[in-house]
Amino acid sequence: MSMNFDAVRATPGVAVFTADDIPGVNDCGPLIHDDSVLAQGIVQYVGQPMFIVVATSHDTARLAARRVMIEFEDLVPILTL
C-alpha cells in the first residue's frame, strides 16, 4: 500500500497523520493487542482507517481527505476464522 498526501497537505488549514506518526504502539486491542488504530502496510478489512485528517473545519477536512492518492494490491480474502 502506498499513500501520497501532497494534495492533502497543500490544502490550507489541514494536517494529516498516518500510523508512522503515532508514538508508541499502533494498537487499540483491549485484550489481544492485535487491532491497529491505523492501517500500516496492509489494509485488513473494508473501512479500516488508514490516516487522520485534522482541519480548521469539517468541510475542509472532508475536501482534503478526498485528495489523497492511494495505491494498493487486491489480496485474496480470508473468509474463515
N, C-alpha and C. Protein backbone atom coordinates (compact mmCIF):
# COMPACT_ATOMS: atom_id res chain seq x y z
N MET A 1 0.85 -1.16 0.00
CA MET A 1 0.00 0.00 0.00
C MET A 1 0.90 1.23 0.00
N SER A 2 0.56 2.21 -0.82
CA SER A 2 1.27 3.48 -0.79
C SER A 2 0.25 4.61 -0.80
N MET A 3 0.57 5.66 -0.07
CA MET A 3 -0.33 6.82 0.01
C MET A 3 0.46 8.08 -0.27
N ASN A 4 -0.09 8.94 -1.12
CA ASN A 4 0.53 10.22 -1.45
C ASN A 4 -0.35 11.33 -0.90
N PHE A 5 0.18 12.11 0.02
CA PHE A 5 -0.59 13.16 0.69
C PHE A 5 -0.24 14.57 0.22
N ASP A 6 0.48 14.70 -0.89
CA ASP A 6 0.89 16.02 -1.37
C ASP A 6 -0.30 16.96 -1.54
N ALA A 7 -1.35 16.51 -2.20
CA ALA A 7 -2.52 17.36 -2.43
C ALA A 7 -3.27 17.66 -1.13
N VAL A 8 -3.26 16.71 -0.22
CA VAL A 8 -3.90 16.91 1.09
C VAL A 8 -3.16 17.99 1.86
N ARG A 9 -1.85 17.86 1.92
CA ARG A 9 -1.04 18.82 2.67
C ARG A 9 -1.04 20.21 2.02
N ALA A 10 -1.33 20.29 0.73
CA ALA A 10 -1.39 21.58 0.04
C ALA A 10 -2.68 22.34 0.36
N THR A 11 -3.64 21.67 0.98
CA THR A 11 -4.90 22.31 1.35
C THR A 11 -4.66 23.18 2.59
N PRO A 12 -4.99 24.47 2.53
CA PRO A 12 -4.77 25.36 3.68
C PRO A 12 -5.56 24.91 4.91
N GLY A 13 -4.93 24.97 6.07
CA GLY A 13 -5.61 24.66 7.33
C GLY A 13 -5.75 23.18 7.61
N VAL A 14 -4.88 22.35 6.99
CA VAL A 14 -5.02 20.90 7.10
C VAL A 14 -3.72 20.26 7.58
N ALA A 15 -3.85 19.26 8.43
CA ALA A 15 -2.73 18.39 8.82
C ALA A 15 -3.18 16.95 8.64
N VAL A 16 -2.26 16.08 8.28
CA VAL A 16 -2.59 14.67 8.07
C VAL A 16 -1.62 13.82 8.88
N PHE A 17 -2.15 12.73 9.44
CA PHE A 17 -1.36 11.83 10.28
C PHE A 17 -1.57 10.39 9.82
N THR A 18 -0.49 9.60 9.85
CA THR A 18 -0.55 8.19 9.50
C THR A 18 -0.06 7.36 10.69
N ALA A 19 -0.02 6.07 10.52
CA ALA A 19 0.46 5.18 11.59
C ALA A 19 1.89 5.51 11.98
N ASP A 20 2.68 6.00 11.04
CA ASP A 20 4.07 6.36 11.35
C ASP A 20 4.15 7.55 12.31
N ASP A 21 3.09 8.32 12.42
CA ASP A 21 3.08 9.48 13.30
C ASP A 21 2.62 9.16 14.72
N ILE A 22 2.18 7.93 14.95
CA ILE A 22 1.70 7.54 16.27
C ILE A 22 2.89 7.15 17.13
N PRO A 23 3.14 7.89 18.23
CA PRO A 23 4.24 7.49 19.10
C PRO A 23 3.83 6.24 19.88
N GLY A 24 4.73 5.33 20.03
CA GLY A 24 4.40 4.10 20.76
C GLY A 24 3.77 3.07 19.85
N VAL A 25 2.93 2.24 20.43
CA VAL A 25 2.33 1.12 19.71
C VAL A 25 1.05 1.55 19.00
N ASN A 26 0.94 1.19 17.73
CA ASN A 26 -0.24 1.48 16.90
C ASN A 26 -1.28 0.39 17.15
N ASP A 27 -1.90 0.39 18.32
CA ASP A 27 -2.79 -0.70 18.69
C ASP A 27 -3.86 -0.21 19.66
N CYS A 28 -5.09 -0.71 19.45
CA CYS A 28 -6.17 -0.36 20.38
C CYS A 28 -6.93 -1.61 20.83
N GLY A 29 -6.35 -2.80 20.61
CA GLY A 29 -6.97 -4.04 21.05
C GLY A 29 -6.96 -4.13 22.57
N PRO A 30 -8.12 -4.29 23.21
CA PRO A 30 -8.17 -4.27 24.66
C PRO A 30 -7.57 -5.50 25.34
N LEU A 31 -7.64 -6.66 24.69
CA LEU A 31 -7.13 -7.88 25.33
C LEU A 31 -5.97 -8.52 24.57
N ILE A 32 -6.15 -8.71 23.29
CA ILE A 32 -5.16 -9.44 22.49
C ILE A 32 -4.12 -8.50 21.88
N HIS A 33 -4.40 -7.23 21.80
CA HIS A 33 -3.49 -6.24 21.25
C HIS A 33 -3.11 -6.56 19.80
N ASP A 34 -4.15 -6.77 18.98
CA ASP A 34 -3.91 -7.06 17.57
C ASP A 34 -4.79 -6.20 16.67
N ASP A 35 -5.27 -5.07 17.17
CA ASP A 35 -6.16 -4.21 16.40
C ASP A 35 -5.48 -2.85 16.19
N SER A 36 -4.98 -2.63 14.98
CA SER A 36 -4.28 -1.39 14.66
C SER A 36 -5.23 -0.20 14.68
N VAL A 37 -4.74 0.92 15.18
CA VAL A 37 -5.51 2.16 15.14
C VAL A 37 -5.63 2.60 13.69
N LEU A 38 -4.51 2.62 12.97
CA LEU A 38 -4.47 2.97 11.55
C LEU A 38 -3.75 1.86 10.79
N ALA A 39 -4.22 1.58 9.57
CA ALA A 39 -3.58 0.56 8.73
C ALA A 39 -2.12 0.94 8.51
N GLN A 40 -1.27 -0.06 8.54
CA GLN A 40 0.15 0.18 8.34
C GLN A 40 0.71 -0.94 7.47
N GLY A 41 0.92 -0.63 6.19
CA GLY A 41 1.47 -1.61 5.26
C GLY A 41 0.43 -2.47 4.59
N ILE A 42 -0.63 -2.83 5.30
CA ILE A 42 -1.69 -3.67 4.73
C ILE A 42 -3.03 -3.24 5.34
N VAL A 43 -4.04 -3.16 4.48
CA VAL A 43 -5.40 -2.87 4.94
C VAL A 43 -6.06 -4.22 5.20
N GLN A 44 -6.52 -4.43 6.43
CA GLN A 44 -7.00 -5.75 6.81
C GLN A 44 -8.50 -5.95 6.62
N TYR A 45 -9.27 -4.86 6.50
CA TYR A 45 -10.71 -5.01 6.30
C TYR A 45 -11.27 -3.74 5.67
N VAL A 46 -12.43 -3.89 5.04
CA VAL A 46 -13.10 -2.76 4.41
C VAL A 46 -13.47 -1.75 5.49
N GLY A 47 -13.10 -0.51 5.28
CA GLY A 47 -13.42 0.53 6.24
C GLY A 47 -12.36 0.78 7.29
N GLN A 48 -11.25 0.06 7.24
CA GLN A 48 -10.18 0.28 8.22
C GLN A 48 -9.57 1.66 8.01
N PRO A 49 -9.46 2.45 9.06
CA PRO A 49 -8.84 3.78 8.91
C PRO A 49 -7.38 3.66 8.47
N MET A 50 -6.98 4.51 7.52
CA MET A 50 -5.62 4.50 7.01
C MET A 50 -4.86 5.76 7.39
N PHE A 51 -5.58 6.84 7.65
CA PHE A 51 -4.95 8.11 8.01
C PHE A 51 -5.98 8.99 8.70
N ILE A 52 -5.50 10.06 9.31
CA ILE A 52 -6.36 11.01 10.01
C ILE A 52 -6.12 12.39 9.41
N VAL A 53 -7.19 13.10 9.09
CA VAL A 53 -7.08 14.48 8.62
C VAL A 53 -7.66 15.39 9.69
N VAL A 54 -6.88 16.39 10.08
CA VAL A 54 -7.32 17.40 11.04
C VAL A 54 -7.33 18.72 10.28
N ALA A 55 -8.43 19.48 10.41
CA ALA A 55 -8.54 20.72 9.64
C ALA A 55 -9.28 21.78 10.44
N THR A 56 -9.30 22.97 9.89
CA THR A 56 -9.95 24.10 10.55
C THR A 56 -11.46 24.01 10.49
N SER A 57 -12.00 23.17 9.62
CA SER A 57 -13.45 22.97 9.57
C SER A 57 -13.75 21.55 9.08
N HIS A 58 -14.96 21.12 9.33
CA HIS A 58 -15.39 19.79 8.89
C HIS A 58 -15.34 19.70 7.37
N ASP A 59 -15.85 20.72 6.69
CA ASP A 59 -15.87 20.70 5.22
C ASP A 59 -14.46 20.66 4.64
N THR A 60 -13.54 21.40 5.23
CA THR A 60 -12.16 21.40 4.76
C THR A 60 -11.53 20.03 4.95
N ALA A 61 -11.80 19.38 6.07
CA ALA A 61 -11.27 18.04 6.32
C ALA A 61 -11.79 17.05 5.30
N ARG A 62 -13.08 17.12 5.00
CA ARG A 62 -13.67 16.20 4.02
C ARG A 62 -13.08 16.42 2.63
N LEU A 63 -12.92 17.68 2.25
CA LEU A 63 -12.33 18.01 0.96
C LEU A 63 -10.90 17.48 0.87
N ALA A 64 -10.12 17.74 1.89
CA ALA A 64 -8.71 17.32 1.90
C ALA A 64 -8.59 15.80 1.88
N ALA A 65 -9.42 15.10 2.63
CA ALA A 65 -9.34 13.64 2.69
C ALA A 65 -9.61 13.00 1.33
N ARG A 66 -10.44 13.62 0.53
CA ARG A 66 -10.74 13.09 -0.81
C ARG A 66 -9.57 13.29 -1.77
N ARG A 67 -8.59 14.08 -1.40
CA ARG A 67 -7.46 14.37 -2.29
C ARG A 67 -6.30 13.40 -2.17
N VAL A 68 -6.34 12.50 -1.22
CA VAL A 68 -5.24 11.54 -1.04
C VAL A 68 -5.22 10.56 -2.22
N MET A 69 -4.03 10.18 -2.64
CA MET A 69 -3.86 9.20 -3.70
C MET A 69 -3.37 7.91 -3.06
N ILE A 70 -4.18 6.85 -3.15
CA ILE A 70 -3.85 5.57 -2.52
C ILE A 70 -3.73 4.50 -3.59
N GLU A 71 -2.67 3.71 -3.51
CA GLU A 71 -2.49 2.55 -4.37
C GLU A 71 -2.29 1.33 -3.50
N PHE A 72 -3.03 0.27 -3.79
CA PHE A 72 -2.82 -0.96 -3.05
C PHE A 72 -3.19 -2.14 -3.93
N GLU A 73 -2.63 -3.28 -3.58
CA GLU A 73 -2.85 -4.52 -4.31
C GLU A 73 -4.02 -5.26 -3.68
N ASP A 74 -4.94 -5.74 -4.53
CA ASP A 74 -6.04 -6.57 -4.03
C ASP A 74 -5.47 -7.91 -3.57
N LEU A 75 -5.87 -8.33 -2.39
CA LEU A 75 -5.42 -9.62 -1.86
C LEU A 75 -6.58 -10.59 -1.84
N VAL A 76 -6.28 -11.86 -1.80
CA VAL A 76 -7.31 -12.89 -1.69
C VAL A 76 -7.90 -12.80 -0.28
N PRO A 77 -9.23 -12.67 -0.18
CA PRO A 77 -9.81 -12.55 1.16
C PRO A 77 -9.73 -13.85 1.94
N ILE A 78 -9.61 -13.70 3.26
CA ILE A 78 -9.65 -14.84 4.16
C ILE A 78 -11.05 -14.87 4.75
N LEU A 79 -11.80 -15.90 4.47
CA LEU A 79 -13.21 -15.95 4.85
C LEU A 79 -13.49 -16.96 5.96
N THR A 80 -12.47 -17.44 6.60
CA THR A 80 -12.66 -18.37 7.72
C THR A 80 -11.96 -17.83 8.96
N LEU A 81 -12.31 -18.38 10.10
CA LEU A 81 -11.66 -17.97 11.34
C LEU A 81 -10.24 -18.45 11.36
